[in-house]
Amino acid sequence: MLLTCDTNNDGTIDHCEMHTCILEVENAWRAENCPAYGGIYCDCPVAPPECPGAWNCADVVYITEELWMYYDTNEDG
């Protein structure tokens, strides 16, 4: 299995690209050795650069949870 960790093709591999590449290797191993358990997904532990006025990952999670609670009128999740 040939992996290209430079997913944005800029000639360098940053921390999140390496993280994603390692996940791909792990998921390939899982697919071969324990397919019933499926793959895993983990967010890159490095926060993206802040852009003034833009949301970050924590904001997206918070807003998603707030909207979910608002629209879940029968409270069944």
N, C-alpha and C. Protein backbone atom coordinates (compact mmCIF):
# COMPACT_ATOMS: atom_id res chain seq x y z
N MET A 1 0.84 -1.17 0.00
CA MET A 1 0.00 0.00 0.00
C MET A 1 0.89 1.24 0.00
N LEU A 2 0.74 2.07 -1.01
CA LEU A 2 1.52 3.28 -1.12
C LEU A 2 0.72 4.45 -0.57
N LEU A 3 1.27 5.14 0.41
CA LEU A 3 0.61 6.30 0.98
C LEU A 3 1.33 7.56 0.58
N THR A 4 0.58 8.57 0.29
CA THR A 4 1.14 9.89 0.06
C THR A 4 0.64 10.78 1.18
N CYS A 5 1.52 11.07 2.11
CA CYS A 5 1.12 11.84 3.28
C CYS A 5 0.98 13.33 2.99
N ASP A 6 1.57 13.81 1.92
CA ASP A 6 1.47 15.23 1.56
C ASP A 6 0.15 15.45 0.83
N THR A 7 -0.94 15.51 1.60
CA THR A 7 -2.27 15.53 1.00
C THR A 7 -2.59 16.83 0.25
N ASN A 8 -1.94 17.93 0.59
CA ASN A 8 -2.21 19.17 -0.14
C ASN A 8 -1.15 19.45 -1.22
N ASN A 9 -0.24 18.50 -1.40
CA ASN A 9 0.78 18.56 -2.46
C ASN A 9 1.61 19.85 -2.45
N ASP A 10 1.98 20.31 -1.25
CA ASP A 10 2.80 21.52 -1.17
C ASP A 10 4.29 21.21 -0.99
N GLY A 11 4.65 19.93 -1.03
CA GLY A 11 6.05 19.54 -0.91
C GLY A 11 6.53 19.35 0.52
N THR A 12 5.66 19.57 1.49
CA THR A 12 6.02 19.35 2.89
C THR A 12 4.91 18.57 3.57
N ILE A 13 5.24 17.97 4.70
CA ILE A 13 4.25 17.23 5.48
C ILE A 13 4.15 17.92 6.84
N ASP A 14 2.97 18.46 7.12
CA ASP A 14 2.78 19.12 8.42
C ASP A 14 2.26 18.11 9.44
N HIS A 15 2.08 18.58 10.65
CA HIS A 15 1.68 17.71 11.76
C HIS A 15 0.36 16.99 11.47
N CYS A 16 -0.62 17.70 10.96
CA CYS A 16 -1.93 17.08 10.70
C CYS A 16 -1.88 16.10 9.53
N GLU A 17 -1.07 16.38 8.53
CA GLU A 17 -0.91 15.42 7.44
C GLU A 17 -0.27 14.13 7.95
N MET A 18 0.70 14.23 8.84
CA MET A 18 1.33 13.05 9.41
C MET A 18 0.31 12.29 10.26
N HIS A 19 -0.47 13.00 11.03
CA HIS A 19 -1.52 12.39 11.87
C HIS A 19 -2.49 11.60 10.99
N THR A 20 -2.93 12.20 9.90
CA THR A 20 -3.86 11.55 8.98
C THR A 20 -3.22 10.32 8.34
N CYS A 21 -1.97 10.43 7.99
CA CYS A 21 -1.26 9.31 7.36
C CYS A 21 -1.16 8.13 8.32
N ILE A 22 -0.85 8.40 9.57
CA ILE A 22 -0.76 7.33 10.57
C ILE A 22 -2.13 6.68 10.77
N LEU A 23 -3.19 7.47 10.77
CA LEU A 23 -4.55 6.92 10.88
C LEU A 23 -4.86 6.00 9.70
N GLU A 24 -4.43 6.39 8.51
CA GLU A 24 -4.66 5.56 7.33
C GLU A 24 -3.95 4.21 7.46
N VAL A 25 -2.72 4.23 7.98
CA VAL A 25 -1.99 2.98 8.19
C VAL A 25 -2.72 2.12 9.21
N GLU A 26 -3.15 2.73 10.32
CA GLU A 26 -3.87 1.99 11.35
C GLU A 26 -5.17 1.40 10.79
N ASN A 27 -5.91 2.19 10.04
CA ASN A 27 -7.17 1.69 9.50
C ASN A 27 -6.97 0.60 8.46
N ALA A 28 -5.89 0.66 7.71
CA ALA A 28 -5.57 -0.42 6.77
C ALA A 28 -5.27 -1.70 7.55
N TRP A 29 -4.53 -1.58 8.64
CA TRP A 29 -4.23 -2.74 9.48
C TRP A 29 -5.51 -3.32 10.07
N ARG A 30 -6.39 -2.44 10.57
CA ARG A 30 -7.66 -2.89 11.15
C ARG A 30 -8.53 -3.60 10.10
N ALA A 31 -8.55 -3.05 8.89
CA ALA A 31 -9.36 -3.65 7.82
C ALA A 31 -8.89 -5.07 7.52
N GLU A 32 -7.60 -5.30 7.63
CA GLU A 32 -7.06 -6.62 7.34
C GLU A 32 -7.15 -7.57 8.53
N ASN A 33 -6.94 -7.06 9.74
CA ASN A 33 -6.82 -7.92 10.91
C ASN A 33 -8.06 -8.00 11.80
N CYS A 34 -8.91 -7.01 11.78
CA CYS A 34 -10.11 -7.05 12.61
C CYS A 34 -11.21 -6.21 11.97
N PRO A 35 -11.66 -6.61 10.77
CA PRO A 35 -12.62 -5.81 10.01
C PRO A 35 -13.94 -5.57 10.72
N ALA A 36 -14.34 -6.44 11.62
CA ALA A 36 -15.62 -6.27 12.31
C ALA A 36 -15.63 -5.02 13.20
N TYR A 37 -14.46 -4.53 13.56
CA TYR A 37 -14.37 -3.37 14.44
C TYR A 37 -14.35 -2.05 13.67
N GLY A 38 -14.14 -2.10 12.38
CA GLY A 38 -14.13 -0.88 11.58
C GLY A 38 -12.92 -0.01 11.84
N GLY A 39 -12.89 1.09 11.12
CA GLY A 39 -11.78 2.03 11.25
C GLY A 39 -12.03 3.01 12.37
N ILE A 40 -11.02 3.83 12.61
CA ILE A 40 -11.14 4.87 13.62
C ILE A 40 -10.96 6.23 12.95
N TYR A 41 -11.48 7.24 13.57
CA TYR A 41 -11.28 8.61 13.11
C TYR A 41 -10.94 9.46 14.32
N CYS A 42 -9.86 10.16 14.24
CA CYS A 42 -9.43 11.06 15.32
C CYS A 42 -9.08 12.40 14.69
N ASP A 43 -9.61 13.47 15.28
CA ASP A 43 -9.25 14.80 14.80
C ASP A 43 -7.78 15.06 15.04
N CYS A 44 -7.21 15.87 14.19
CA CYS A 44 -5.83 16.29 14.39
C CYS A 44 -5.75 17.07 15.70
N PRO A 45 -4.80 16.72 16.56
CA PRO A 45 -4.73 17.39 17.86
C PRO A 45 -4.19 18.82 17.81
N VAL A 46 -3.74 19.27 16.67
CA VAL A 46 -3.21 20.62 16.55
C VAL A 46 -4.31 21.53 16.05
N ALA A 47 -4.58 22.58 16.79
CA ALA A 47 -5.62 23.53 16.40
C ALA A 47 -5.18 24.29 15.15
N PRO A 48 -6.12 24.54 14.23
CA PRO A 48 -5.75 25.31 13.04
C PRO A 48 -5.46 26.76 13.42
N PRO A 49 -4.75 27.47 12.57
CA PRO A 49 -4.48 28.88 12.85
C PRO A 49 -5.79 29.66 12.99
N GLU A 50 -5.80 30.58 13.93
CA GLU A 50 -7.00 31.38 14.16
C GLU A 50 -7.14 32.45 13.09
N CYS A 51 -8.33 32.60 12.61
CA CYS A 51 -8.67 33.64 11.65
C CYS A 51 -9.66 34.56 12.36
N PRO A 52 -9.37 35.84 12.47
CA PRO A 52 -10.27 36.73 13.20
C PRO A 52 -11.71 36.64 12.68
N GLY A 53 -12.62 36.35 13.58
CA GLY A 53 -14.04 36.26 13.23
C GLY A 53 -14.48 34.89 12.76
N ALA A 54 -13.55 34.00 12.47
CA ALA A 54 -13.91 32.66 11.98
C ALA A 54 -14.14 31.72 13.15
N TRP A 55 -14.92 30.70 12.93
CA TRP A 55 -15.13 29.67 13.95
C TRP A 55 -13.94 28.73 13.98
N ASN A 56 -13.71 28.15 15.15
CA ASN A 56 -12.71 27.08 15.25
C ASN A 56 -13.46 25.78 15.51
N CYS A 57 -12.76 24.70 15.68
CA CYS A 57 -13.40 23.38 15.85
C CYS A 57 -14.29 23.34 17.09
N ALA A 58 -13.83 23.93 18.18
CA ALA A 58 -14.64 23.95 19.40
C ALA A 58 -15.95 24.73 19.17
N ASP A 59 -15.88 25.82 18.42
CA ASP A 59 -17.09 26.58 18.10
C ASP A 59 -18.07 25.74 17.30
N VAL A 60 -17.57 25.00 16.32
CA VAL A 60 -18.44 24.17 15.49
C VAL A 60 -19.12 23.10 16.34
N VAL A 61 -18.37 22.48 17.25
CA VAL A 61 -18.96 21.47 18.13
C VAL A 61 -20.04 22.10 19.00
N TYR A 62 -19.75 23.26 19.58
CA TYR A 62 -20.71 23.95 20.45
C TYR A 62 -21.98 24.32 19.68
N ILE A 63 -21.82 24.89 18.51
CA ILE A 63 -22.97 25.31 17.72
C ILE A 63 -23.79 24.10 17.27
N THR A 64 -23.12 23.02 16.89
CA THR A 64 -23.82 21.80 16.50
C THR A 64 -24.66 21.27 17.66
N GLU A 65 -24.07 21.23 18.85
CA GLU A 65 -24.81 20.75 20.02
C GLU A 65 -25.99 21.65 20.35
N GLU A 66 -25.80 22.96 20.26
CA GLU A 66 -26.88 23.90 20.54
C GLU A 66 -28.02 23.73 19.54
N LEU A 67 -27.69 23.63 18.26
CA LEU A 67 -28.73 23.44 17.24
C LEU A 67 -29.43 22.10 17.40
N TRP A 68 -28.66 21.07 17.74
CA TRP A 68 -29.25 19.76 17.93
C TRP A 68 -30.28 19.80 19.05
N MET A 69 -29.93 20.43 20.16
CA MET A 69 -30.85 20.53 21.29
C MET A 69 -32.08 21.37 20.93
N TYR A 70 -31.89 22.42 20.14
CA TYR A 70 -32.99 23.29 19.74
C TYR A 70 -33.98 22.55 18.84
N TYR A 71 -33.47 21.80 17.87
CA TYR A 71 -34.34 21.12 16.91
C TYR A 71 -34.82 19.75 17.36
N ASP A 72 -34.27 19.23 18.43
CA ASP A 72 -34.70 17.94 18.97
C ASP A 72 -35.91 18.17 19.88
N THR A 73 -37.04 18.48 19.29
CA THR A 73 -38.22 18.89 20.06
C THR A 73 -38.83 17.75 20.86
N ASN A 74 -38.63 16.51 20.46
CA ASN A 74 -39.18 15.40 21.23
C ASN A 74 -38.14 14.79 22.18
N GLU A 75 -36.97 15.38 22.23
CA GLU A 75 -35.89 15.00 23.14
C GLU A 75 -35.51 13.52 23.06
N ASP A 76 -35.50 12.99 21.82
CA ASP A 76 -35.11 11.59 21.64
C ASP A 76 -33.70 11.43 21.10
N GLY A 77 -32.99 12.55 21.00
CA GLY A 77 -31.61 12.51 20.52
C GLY A 77 -31.55 12.30 19.05
